[in-house]
Amino acid sequence: MKAGPSTPIHWRIAEAKDAPALSILGGATFLTSFAHDHPGPALVDHIRRAHGDDYYRAAIGNPRHYLLIGETPLGAPVGYALLTPPDLPVATDDATDLELKRIYLLTGWQGGGNGDALMGLLMQEAVRRGASRLLLAVYPQNDRARRFYARHGFVQIGSMTFMVGDVPFEDLVYARDL
């Protein structure tokens, strides 16, 4: 079977046993997405801190978080997404807002509707949890992601500093009513 967008992705709620796979997947997707313009030492420091097993164990164990992992039919991890209470420098309401903290697919599984299907699952869960607005932060130079979010109705409502290791980057804050 040829891998890629035509290969089905099985999405499920992550379990404690998935923390090591999520750590590898998180580091790989972050590195793939940002190695072209982020300094290596800062990038590695960020990945070690923000994508370690402990981070994902804590996210999985937090009932206010919703973490999906996507796998191939053979069980290889190829994508994930994380919804959390909002932690962004814009006005938010914990009762009605959720943040799409992370959403990534390995490059070979982008396209073909996989991202759209994942976004649909996330929006359904956000509504199920009583949210009326979904927020996220996106790197301004990530044109593909910005087009994806715009296609799903997200608009810019602010900006923020995002630290990668000890290097600051600007991110844009987007929101979408549900």
N, C-alpha and C. Protein backbone atom coordinates (compact mmCIF):
# COMPACT_ATOMS: atom_id res chain seq x y z
N MET A 1 0.85 -1.17 0.00
CA MET A 1 0.00 0.00 0.00
C MET A 1 0.89 1.24 0.00
N LYS A 2 0.62 2.16 -0.88
CA LYS A 2 1.38 3.40 -0.94
C LYS A 2 0.95 4.32 0.20
N ALA A 3 1.93 4.86 0.92
CA ALA A 3 1.62 5.76 2.03
C ALA A 3 1.27 7.13 1.48
N GLY A 4 0.59 7.90 2.29
CA GLY A 4 0.28 9.27 1.93
C GLY A 4 -1.20 9.56 2.07
N PRO A 5 -1.66 10.65 1.42
CA PRO A 5 -3.04 11.08 1.60
C PRO A 5 -4.09 10.02 1.29
N SER A 6 -3.79 9.05 0.42
CA SER A 6 -4.79 8.02 0.13
C SER A 6 -4.82 6.92 1.19
N THR A 7 -3.81 6.87 2.05
CA THR A 7 -3.80 5.89 3.14
C THR A 7 -4.73 6.38 4.24
N PRO A 8 -5.68 5.58 4.67
CA PRO A 8 -6.62 6.05 5.70
C PRO A 8 -5.91 6.31 7.03
N ILE A 9 -6.39 7.32 7.71
CA ILE A 9 -5.91 7.63 9.06
C ILE A 9 -7.02 7.29 10.03
N HIS A 10 -6.68 6.52 11.04
CA HIS A 10 -7.61 6.19 12.12
C HIS A 10 -7.35 7.17 13.26
N TRP A 11 -8.34 7.98 13.60
CA TRP A 11 -8.22 8.96 14.68
C TRP A 11 -8.85 8.37 15.94
N ARG A 12 -8.13 8.53 17.06
CA ARG A 12 -8.67 8.06 18.34
C ARG A 12 -8.14 8.95 19.46
N ILE A 13 -8.81 8.89 20.59
CA ILE A 13 -8.36 9.65 21.76
C ILE A 13 -7.07 9.01 22.27
N ALA A 14 -6.06 9.83 22.49
CA ALA A 14 -4.77 9.33 22.97
C ALA A 14 -4.90 8.78 24.38
N GLU A 15 -4.12 7.75 24.64
CA GLU A 15 -4.06 7.10 25.95
C GLU A 15 -2.65 7.25 26.51
N ALA A 16 -2.49 6.95 27.79
CA ALA A 16 -1.18 7.10 28.45
C ALA A 16 -0.07 6.38 27.69
N LYS A 17 -0.37 5.22 27.13
CA LYS A 17 0.64 4.45 26.40
C LYS A 17 1.12 5.16 25.13
N ASP A 18 0.39 6.20 24.69
CA ASP A 18 0.74 6.92 23.47
C ASP A 18 1.75 8.04 23.68
N ALA A 19 2.10 8.36 24.93
CA ALA A 19 3.00 9.49 25.19
C ALA A 19 4.32 9.38 24.43
N PRO A 20 5.00 8.24 24.40
CA PRO A 20 6.26 8.18 23.64
C PRO A 20 6.06 8.41 22.14
N ALA A 21 5.01 7.85 21.57
CA ALA A 21 4.75 8.06 20.14
C ALA A 21 4.42 9.52 19.86
N LEU A 22 3.63 10.14 20.74
CA LEU A 22 3.30 11.56 20.56
C LEU A 22 4.53 12.44 20.69
N SER A 23 5.44 12.08 21.59
CA SER A 23 6.68 12.83 21.74
C SER A 23 7.50 12.80 20.46
N ILE A 24 7.64 11.63 19.89
CA ILE A 24 8.39 11.50 18.63
C ILE A 24 7.68 12.24 17.51
N LEU A 25 6.37 12.05 17.41
CA LEU A 25 5.58 12.71 16.37
C LEU A 25 5.60 14.22 16.53
N GLY A 26 5.45 14.70 17.77
CA GLY A 26 5.49 16.14 18.02
C GLY A 26 6.82 16.75 17.64
N GLY A 27 7.90 16.10 18.02
CA GLY A 27 9.23 16.60 17.65
C GLY A 27 9.45 16.57 16.16
N ALA A 28 9.05 15.48 15.51
CA ALA A 28 9.25 15.35 14.07
C ALA A 28 8.46 16.39 13.29
N THR A 29 7.20 16.59 13.66
CA THR A 29 6.39 17.55 12.91
C THR A 29 6.85 18.98 13.17
N PHE A 30 7.26 19.29 14.40
CA PHE A 30 7.74 20.64 14.69
C PHE A 30 9.04 20.90 13.93
N LEU A 31 9.93 19.94 13.94
CA LEU A 31 11.20 20.08 13.22
C LEU A 31 10.96 20.24 11.72
N THR A 32 10.11 19.41 11.17
CA THR A 32 9.79 19.50 9.74
C THR A 32 9.18 20.84 9.39
N SER A 33 8.32 21.36 10.25
CA SER A 33 7.62 22.61 9.97
C SER A 33 8.50 23.84 10.10
N PHE A 34 9.51 23.81 10.97
CA PHE A 34 10.20 25.05 11.30
C PHE A 34 11.71 25.03 11.16
N ALA A 35 12.30 23.92 10.76
CA ALA A 35 13.76 23.85 10.63
C ALA A 35 14.30 24.81 9.57
N HIS A 36 13.49 25.18 8.62
CA HIS A 36 13.96 26.05 7.53
C HIS A 36 14.29 27.46 7.99
N ASP A 37 13.70 27.93 9.11
CA ASP A 37 14.01 29.31 9.52
C ASP A 37 14.10 29.52 11.03
N HIS A 38 14.28 28.45 11.78
CA HIS A 38 14.50 28.56 13.22
C HIS A 38 15.92 28.06 13.53
N PRO A 39 16.64 28.75 14.39
CA PRO A 39 18.00 28.31 14.73
C PRO A 39 18.00 26.92 15.38
N GLY A 40 18.93 26.08 14.93
CA GLY A 40 18.99 24.69 15.38
C GLY A 40 19.01 24.49 16.88
N PRO A 41 19.93 25.13 17.62
CA PRO A 41 19.96 24.89 19.07
C PRO A 41 18.65 25.28 19.77
N ALA A 42 18.05 26.40 19.37
CA ALA A 42 16.79 26.82 19.98
C ALA A 42 15.67 25.84 19.62
N LEU A 43 15.68 25.37 18.39
CA LEU A 43 14.67 24.41 17.93
C LEU A 43 14.77 23.10 18.72
N VAL A 44 15.97 22.60 18.88
CA VAL A 44 16.17 21.36 19.63
C VAL A 44 15.77 21.55 21.09
N ASP A 45 16.15 22.68 21.68
CA ASP A 45 15.78 22.96 23.07
C ASP A 45 14.26 22.98 23.23
N HIS A 46 13.58 23.65 22.29
CA HIS A 46 12.12 23.72 22.36
C HIS A 46 11.50 22.32 22.24
N ILE A 47 11.95 21.55 21.30
CA ILE A 47 11.39 20.21 21.10
C ILE A 47 11.60 19.34 22.33
N ARG A 48 12.78 19.40 22.92
CA ARG A 48 13.04 18.60 24.13
C ARG A 48 12.12 19.01 25.27
N ARG A 49 11.86 20.31 25.40
CA ARG A 49 11.04 20.82 26.50
C ARG A 49 9.54 20.64 26.22
N ALA A 50 9.11 21.01 25.03
CA ALA A 50 7.68 21.09 24.74
C ALA A 50 7.11 19.83 24.10
N HIS A 51 7.96 18.88 23.77
CA HIS A 51 7.46 17.66 23.12
C HIS A 51 7.99 16.39 23.78
N GLY A 52 8.33 16.48 25.04
CA GLY A 52 8.81 15.30 25.75
C GLY A 52 7.65 14.41 26.18
N ASP A 53 7.99 13.19 26.53
CA ASP A 53 6.97 12.24 27.02
C ASP A 53 6.15 12.84 28.16
N ASP A 54 6.82 13.54 29.08
CA ASP A 54 6.12 14.09 30.24
C ASP A 54 5.05 15.09 29.83
N TYR A 55 5.33 15.91 28.81
CA TYR A 55 4.34 16.88 28.34
C TYR A 55 3.08 16.14 27.88
N TYR A 56 3.28 15.11 27.07
CA TYR A 56 2.13 14.39 26.52
C TYR A 56 1.42 13.56 27.58
N ARG A 57 2.14 13.00 28.54
CA ARG A 57 1.49 12.28 29.64
C ARG A 57 0.57 13.23 30.41
N ALA A 58 1.08 14.44 30.68
CA ALA A 58 0.27 15.42 31.42
C ALA A 58 -0.95 15.83 30.60
N ALA A 59 -0.78 16.05 29.30
CA ALA A 59 -1.91 16.43 28.46
C ALA A 59 -2.96 15.32 28.42
N ILE A 60 -2.51 14.08 28.29
CA ILE A 60 -3.43 12.94 28.25
C ILE A 60 -4.18 12.82 29.58
N GLY A 61 -3.50 13.07 30.67
CA GLY A 61 -4.09 12.93 31.99
C GLY A 61 -4.97 14.09 32.43
N ASN A 62 -4.99 15.16 31.67
CA ASN A 62 -5.77 16.34 32.05
C ASN A 62 -7.17 16.23 31.43
N PRO A 63 -8.22 16.13 32.25
CA PRO A 63 -9.56 15.96 31.70
C PRO A 63 -10.05 17.18 30.91
N ARG A 64 -9.41 18.32 31.07
CA ARG A 64 -9.79 19.51 30.32
C ARG A 64 -9.14 19.54 28.94
N HIS A 65 -8.23 18.60 28.68
CA HIS A 65 -7.57 18.51 27.38
C HIS A 65 -8.22 17.40 26.55
N TYR A 66 -8.12 17.57 25.25
CA TYR A 66 -8.62 16.56 24.31
C TYR A 66 -7.52 16.33 23.30
N LEU A 67 -6.94 15.15 23.33
CA LEU A 67 -5.78 14.84 22.50
C LEU A 67 -6.10 13.66 21.60
N LEU A 68 -6.08 13.91 20.30
CA LEU A 68 -6.29 12.86 19.31
C LEU A 68 -4.96 12.46 18.70
N ILE A 69 -4.83 11.18 18.41
CA ILE A 69 -3.67 10.69 17.68
C ILE A 69 -4.21 9.99 16.43
N GLY A 70 -3.53 10.21 15.32
CA GLY A 70 -3.91 9.58 14.07
C GLY A 70 -2.88 8.54 13.67
N GLU A 71 -3.36 7.38 13.27
CA GLU A 71 -2.47 6.27 12.94
C GLU A 71 -2.83 5.66 11.59
N THR A 72 -1.84 5.05 10.98
CA THR A 72 -2.05 4.28 9.77
C THR A 72 -2.75 2.97 10.14
N PRO A 73 -3.21 2.21 9.15
CA PRO A 73 -3.81 0.90 9.47
C PRO A 73 -2.86 -0.04 10.23
N LEU A 74 -1.55 0.20 10.12
CA LEU A 74 -0.58 -0.64 10.84
C LEU A 74 -0.20 -0.05 12.20
N GLY A 75 -0.83 1.06 12.59
CA GLY A 75 -0.59 1.63 13.90
C GLY A 75 0.55 2.63 13.99
N ALA A 76 1.10 3.07 12.88
CA ALA A 76 2.17 4.08 12.90
C ALA A 76 1.55 5.46 13.11
N PRO A 77 2.07 6.25 14.05
CA PRO A 77 1.51 7.58 14.29
C PRO A 77 1.89 8.55 13.15
N VAL A 78 0.89 9.27 12.63
CA VAL A 78 1.14 10.19 11.52
C VAL A 78 0.55 11.58 11.76
N GLY A 79 -0.21 11.76 12.83
CA GLY A 79 -0.79 13.07 13.11
C GLY A 79 -1.36 13.12 14.50
N TYR A 80 -1.59 14.35 14.96
CA TYR A 80 -2.21 14.53 16.27
C TYR A 80 -2.76 15.93 16.38
N ALA A 81 -3.63 16.13 17.35
CA ALA A 81 -4.20 17.44 17.63
C ALA A 81 -4.55 17.52 19.11
N LEU A 82 -4.47 18.73 19.65
CA LEU A 82 -4.70 18.95 21.07
C LEU A 82 -5.57 20.18 21.28
N LEU A 83 -6.71 19.99 21.93
CA LEU A 83 -7.56 21.08 22.37
C LEU A 83 -7.33 21.30 23.86
N THR A 84 -7.25 22.57 24.28
CA THR A 84 -7.02 22.91 25.68
C THR A 84 -7.85 24.14 26.05
N PRO A 85 -7.96 24.43 27.34
CA PRO A 85 -8.48 25.74 27.71
C PRO A 85 -7.57 26.81 27.10
N PRO A 86 -8.10 27.99 26.81
CA PRO A 86 -7.28 29.01 26.14
C PRO A 86 -6.16 29.54 27.03
N ASP A 87 -5.00 29.71 26.41
CA ASP A 87 -3.83 30.29 27.07
C ASP A 87 -3.15 31.20 26.05
N LEU A 88 -3.86 32.26 25.69
CA LEU A 88 -3.39 33.19 24.67
C LEU A 88 -3.54 34.61 25.18
N PRO A 89 -2.74 35.54 24.68
CA PRO A 89 -2.78 36.92 25.17
C PRO A 89 -3.89 37.76 24.51
N VAL A 90 -5.09 37.21 24.47
CA VAL A 90 -6.27 37.92 23.99
C VAL A 90 -7.39 37.64 24.99
N ALA A 91 -8.43 38.44 24.93
CA ALA A 91 -9.57 38.23 25.84
C ALA A 91 -10.22 36.89 25.52
N THR A 92 -10.33 36.05 26.55
CA THR A 92 -10.95 34.73 26.38
C THR A 92 -11.89 34.46 27.53
N ASP A 93 -12.72 33.47 27.34
CA ASP A 93 -13.66 33.02 28.37
C ASP A 93 -13.50 31.51 28.49
N ASP A 94 -13.01 31.05 29.62
CA ASP A 94 -12.80 29.62 29.83
C ASP A 94 -14.07 28.80 29.68
N ALA A 95 -15.22 29.43 29.87
CA ALA A 95 -16.48 28.70 29.77
C ALA A 95 -16.91 28.48 28.33
N THR A 96 -16.46 29.33 27.41
CA THR A 96 -16.96 29.24 26.03
C THR A 96 -15.88 29.16 24.97
N ASP A 97 -14.62 29.30 25.35
CA ASP A 97 -13.52 29.27 24.39
C ASP A 97 -12.66 28.03 24.60
N LEU A 98 -12.15 27.49 23.51
CA LEU A 98 -11.14 26.44 23.54
C LEU A 98 -10.02 26.85 22.61
N GLU A 99 -8.83 26.39 22.94
CA GLU A 99 -7.67 26.66 22.09
C GLU A 99 -7.27 25.38 21.37
N LEU A 100 -7.07 25.50 20.08
CA LEU A 100 -6.47 24.42 19.30
C LEU A 100 -4.96 24.62 19.45
N LYS A 101 -4.41 23.96 20.47
CA LYS A 101 -3.02 24.17 20.86
C LYS A 101 -2.06 23.58 19.83
N ARG A 102 -2.42 22.40 19.30
CA ARG A 102 -1.54 21.74 18.33
C ARG A 102 -2.39 20.98 17.33
N ILE A 103 -1.97 21.04 16.08
CA ILE A 103 -2.58 20.24 15.03
C ILE A 103 -1.50 20.01 13.97
N TYR A 104 -1.11 18.76 13.82
CA TYR A 104 -0.02 18.43 12.89
C TYR A 104 -0.27 17.10 12.22
N LEU A 105 0.11 17.04 10.95
CA LEU A 105 0.17 15.80 10.19
C LEU A 105 1.56 15.70 9.59
N LEU A 106 2.13 14.51 9.57
CA LEU A 106 3.38 14.34 8.84
C LEU A 106 3.16 14.72 7.39
N THR A 107 4.19 15.24 6.76
CA THR A 107 4.09 15.77 5.40
C THR A 107 3.42 14.79 4.43
N GLY A 108 3.77 13.54 4.49
CA GLY A 108 3.21 12.56 3.56
C GLY A 108 1.72 12.33 3.71
N TRP A 109 1.12 12.80 4.79
CA TRP A 109 -0.31 12.61 5.02
C TRP A 109 -1.08 13.92 4.93
N GLN A 110 -0.42 14.99 4.52
CA GLN A 110 -1.11 16.25 4.30
C GLN A 110 -1.75 16.22 2.92
N GLY A 111 -2.89 16.86 2.81
CA GLY A 111 -3.62 16.85 1.54
C GLY A 111 -4.59 15.69 1.52
N GLY A 112 -5.39 15.66 0.51
CA GLY A 112 -6.33 14.56 0.35
C GLY A 112 -7.47 14.57 1.35
N GLY A 113 -7.66 15.66 2.07
CA GLY A 113 -8.78 15.77 3.01
C GLY A 113 -8.49 15.34 4.43
N ASN A 114 -7.26 14.87 4.72
CA ASN A 114 -6.95 14.42 6.08
C ASN A 114 -7.03 15.56 7.09
N GLY A 115 -6.50 16.72 6.77
CA GLY A 115 -6.57 17.86 7.67
C GLY A 115 -8.00 18.33 7.87
N ASP A 116 -8.77 18.35 6.77
CA ASP A 116 -10.17 18.75 6.87
C ASP A 116 -10.95 17.80 7.78
N ALA A 117 -10.71 16.50 7.63
CA ALA A 117 -11.38 15.52 8.48
C ALA A 117 -11.01 15.73 9.94
N LEU A 118 -9.74 15.97 10.21
CA LEU A 118 -9.29 16.20 11.58
C LEU A 118 -9.92 17.47 12.14
N MET A 119 -9.95 18.54 11.37
CA MET A 119 -10.55 19.78 11.85
C MET A 119 -12.03 19.56 12.15
N GLY A 120 -12.71 18.78 11.33
CA GLY A 120 -14.11 18.47 11.60
C GLY A 120 -14.30 17.76 12.93
N LEU A 121 -13.44 16.80 13.23
CA LEU A 121 -13.51 16.10 14.50
C LEU A 121 -13.28 17.05 15.67
N LEU A 122 -12.33 17.96 15.51
CA LEU A 122 -12.01 18.91 16.58
C LEU A 122 -13.15 19.89 16.82
N MET A 123 -13.76 20.35 15.75
CA MET A 123 -14.89 21.28 15.90
C MET A 123 -16.08 20.58 16.55
N GLN A 124 -16.32 19.33 16.19
CA GLN A 124 -17.40 18.57 16.83
C GLN A 124 -17.15 18.43 18.33
N GLU A 125 -15.91 18.14 18.70
CA GLU A 125 -15.58 17.99 20.12
C GLU A 125 -15.71 19.32 20.84
N ALA A 126 -15.27 20.40 20.21
CA ALA A 126 -15.37 21.72 20.84
C ALA A 126 -16.84 22.06 21.12
N VAL A 127 -17.71 21.80 20.16
CA VAL A 127 -19.15 22.06 20.35
C VAL A 127 -19.69 21.13 21.44
N ARG A 128 -19.28 19.87 21.42
CA ARG A 128 -19.73 18.93 22.45
C ARG A 128 -19.35 19.42 23.84
N ARG A 129 -18.21 20.08 23.95
CA ARG A 129 -17.75 20.60 25.24
C ARG A 129 -18.37 21.95 25.59
N GLY A 130 -19.24 22.45 24.74
CA GLY A 130 -19.93 23.71 25.03
C GLY A 130 -19.20 24.95 24.56
N ALA A 131 -18.18 24.80 23.76
CA ALA A 131 -17.45 25.97 23.27
C ALA A 131 -18.25 26.68 22.18
N SER A 132 -18.11 27.97 22.15
CA SER A 132 -18.71 28.76 21.06
C SER A 132 -17.64 29.43 20.21
N ARG A 133 -16.37 29.26 20.64
CA ARG A 133 -15.27 29.85 19.85
C ARG A 133 -14.04 28.98 20.00
N LEU A 134 -13.33 28.84 18.88
CA LEU A 134 -12.08 28.09 18.84
C LEU A 134 -10.97 29.06 18.46
N LEU A 135 -9.87 29.04 19.24
CA LEU A 135 -8.74 29.93 19.00
C LEU A 135 -7.49 29.11 18.72
N LEU A 136 -6.51 29.76 18.10
CA LEU A 136 -5.23 29.11 17.85
C LEU A 136 -4.18 30.17 17.55
N ALA A 137 -2.92 29.76 17.61
CA ALA A 137 -1.81 30.62 17.21
C ALA A 137 -1.12 29.96 16.03
N VAL A 138 -0.68 30.78 15.08
CA VAL A 138 -0.04 30.27 13.87
C VAL A 138 1.14 31.17 13.51
N TYR A 139 2.18 30.55 13.03
CA TYR A 139 3.38 31.26 12.60
C TYR A 139 3.06 32.01 11.30
N PRO A 140 3.33 33.31 11.23
CA PRO A 140 2.95 34.09 10.04
C PRO A 140 3.57 33.58 8.74
N GLN A 141 4.75 32.99 8.81
CA GLN A 141 5.41 32.50 7.60
C GLN A 141 4.91 31.11 7.17
N ASN A 142 4.02 30.52 7.94
CA ASN A 142 3.47 29.21 7.59
C ASN A 142 2.23 29.43 6.72
N ASP A 143 2.49 29.75 5.45
CA ASP A 143 1.40 30.09 4.53
C ASP A 143 0.41 28.96 4.36
N ARG A 144 0.89 27.74 4.28
CA ARG A 144 -0.01 26.60 4.07
C ARG A 144 -0.99 26.49 5.24
N ALA A 145 -0.48 26.61 6.46
CA ALA A 145 -1.35 26.52 7.65
C ALA A 145 -2.33 27.70 7.66
N ARG A 146 -1.86 28.89 7.35
CA ARG A 146 -2.75 30.06 7.35
C ARG A 146 -3.87 29.90 6.33
N ARG A 147 -3.57 29.36 5.15
CA ARG A 147 -4.61 29.12 4.15
C ARG A 147 -5.61 28.06 4.65
N PHE A 148 -5.07 27.02 5.29
CA PHE A 148 -5.93 25.97 5.85
C PHE A 148 -6.90 26.56 6.88
N TYR A 149 -6.38 27.37 7.81
CA TYR A 149 -7.23 27.96 8.84
C TYR A 149 -8.25 28.92 8.23
N ALA A 150 -7.84 29.72 7.26
CA ALA A 150 -8.77 30.63 6.59
C ALA A 150 -9.90 29.85 5.92
N ARG A 151 -9.56 28.74 5.29
CA ARG A 151 -10.56 27.90 4.63
C ARG A 151 -11.58 27.37 5.65
N HIS A 152 -11.17 27.26 6.90
CA HIS A 152 -12.06 26.76 7.95
C HIS A 152 -12.68 27.89 8.77
N GLY A 153 -12.60 29.12 8.27
CA GLY A 153 -13.31 30.23 8.89
C GLY A 153 -12.58 30.97 9.99
N PHE A 154 -11.30 30.70 10.19
CA PHE A 154 -10.53 31.42 11.21
C PHE A 154 -10.09 32.77 10.68
N VAL A 155 -10.10 33.78 11.56
CA VAL A 155 -9.63 35.12 11.22
C VAL A 155 -8.67 35.59 12.31
N GLN A 156 -7.76 36.47 11.93
CA GLN A 156 -6.78 36.99 12.90
C GLN A 156 -7.46 37.95 13.86
N ILE A 157 -7.16 37.77 15.17
CA ILE A 157 -7.69 38.68 16.19
C ILE A 157 -6.58 39.29 17.05
N GLY A 158 -5.32 38.90 16.80
CA GLY A 158 -4.24 39.42 17.61
C GLY A 158 -2.92 38.80 17.21
N SER A 159 -1.91 39.07 18.03
CA SER A 159 -0.59 38.47 17.82
C SER A 159 0.04 38.22 19.18
N MET A 160 1.12 37.46 19.17
CA MET A 160 1.78 37.11 20.42
C MET A 160 3.23 36.74 20.15
N THR A 161 4.02 36.70 21.19
CA THR A 161 5.38 36.21 21.11
C THR A 161 5.37 34.74 21.50
N PHE A 162 6.02 33.92 20.67
CA PHE A 162 6.14 32.49 20.93
C PHE A 162 7.62 32.19 21.05
N MET A 163 8.01 31.62 22.18
CA MET A 163 9.42 31.33 22.41
C MET A 163 9.77 29.94 21.89
N VAL A 164 10.82 29.87 21.11
CA VAL A 164 11.40 28.61 20.65
C VAL A 164 12.79 28.57 21.27
N GLY A 165 12.92 27.78 22.34
CA GLY A 165 14.14 27.85 23.13
C GLY A 165 14.22 29.25 23.71
N ASP A 166 15.34 29.93 23.46
CA ASP A 166 15.49 31.29 23.95
C ASP A 166 15.31 32.34 22.85
N VAL A 167 14.70 31.96 21.74
CA VAL A 167 14.52 32.85 20.59
C VAL A 167 13.03 33.20 20.44
N PRO A 168 12.70 34.50 20.46
CA PRO A 168 11.30 34.89 20.30
C PRO A 168 10.88 34.92 18.82
N PHE A 169 9.67 34.47 18.57
CA PHE A 169 9.05 34.55 17.25
C PHE A 169 7.66 35.15 17.42
N GLU A 170 7.19 35.81 16.40
CA GLU A 170 5.82 36.33 16.42
C GLU A 170 4.88 35.26 15.87
N ASP A 171 3.78 35.06 16.55
CA ASP A 171 2.69 34.23 16.07
C ASP A 171 1.45 35.10 15.94
N LEU A 172 0.56 34.71 15.07
CA LEU A 172 -0.72 35.37 14.92
C LEU A 172 -1.76 34.57 15.68
N VAL A 173 -2.68 35.26 16.33
CA VAL A 173 -3.76 34.60 17.04
C VAL A 173 -5.01 34.68 16.17
N TYR A 174 -5.59 33.51 15.91
CA TYR A 174 -6.79 33.39 15.08
C TYR A 174 -7.95 32.89 15.94
N ALA A 175 -9.16 33.19 15.50
CA ALA A 175 -10.36 32.68 16.17
C ALA A 175 -11.42 32.35 15.12
N ARG A 176 -12.32 31.49 15.53
CA ARG A 176 -13.46 31.10 14.69
C ARG A 176 -14.63 30.82 15.62
N ASP A 177 -15.78 31.43 15.31
CA ASP A 177 -16.99 31.12 16.05
C ASP A 177 -17.48 29.74 15.62
N LEU A 178 -18.05 29.02 16.56
CA LEU A 178 -18.58 27.67 16.27
C LEU A 178 -20.10 27.70 16.15
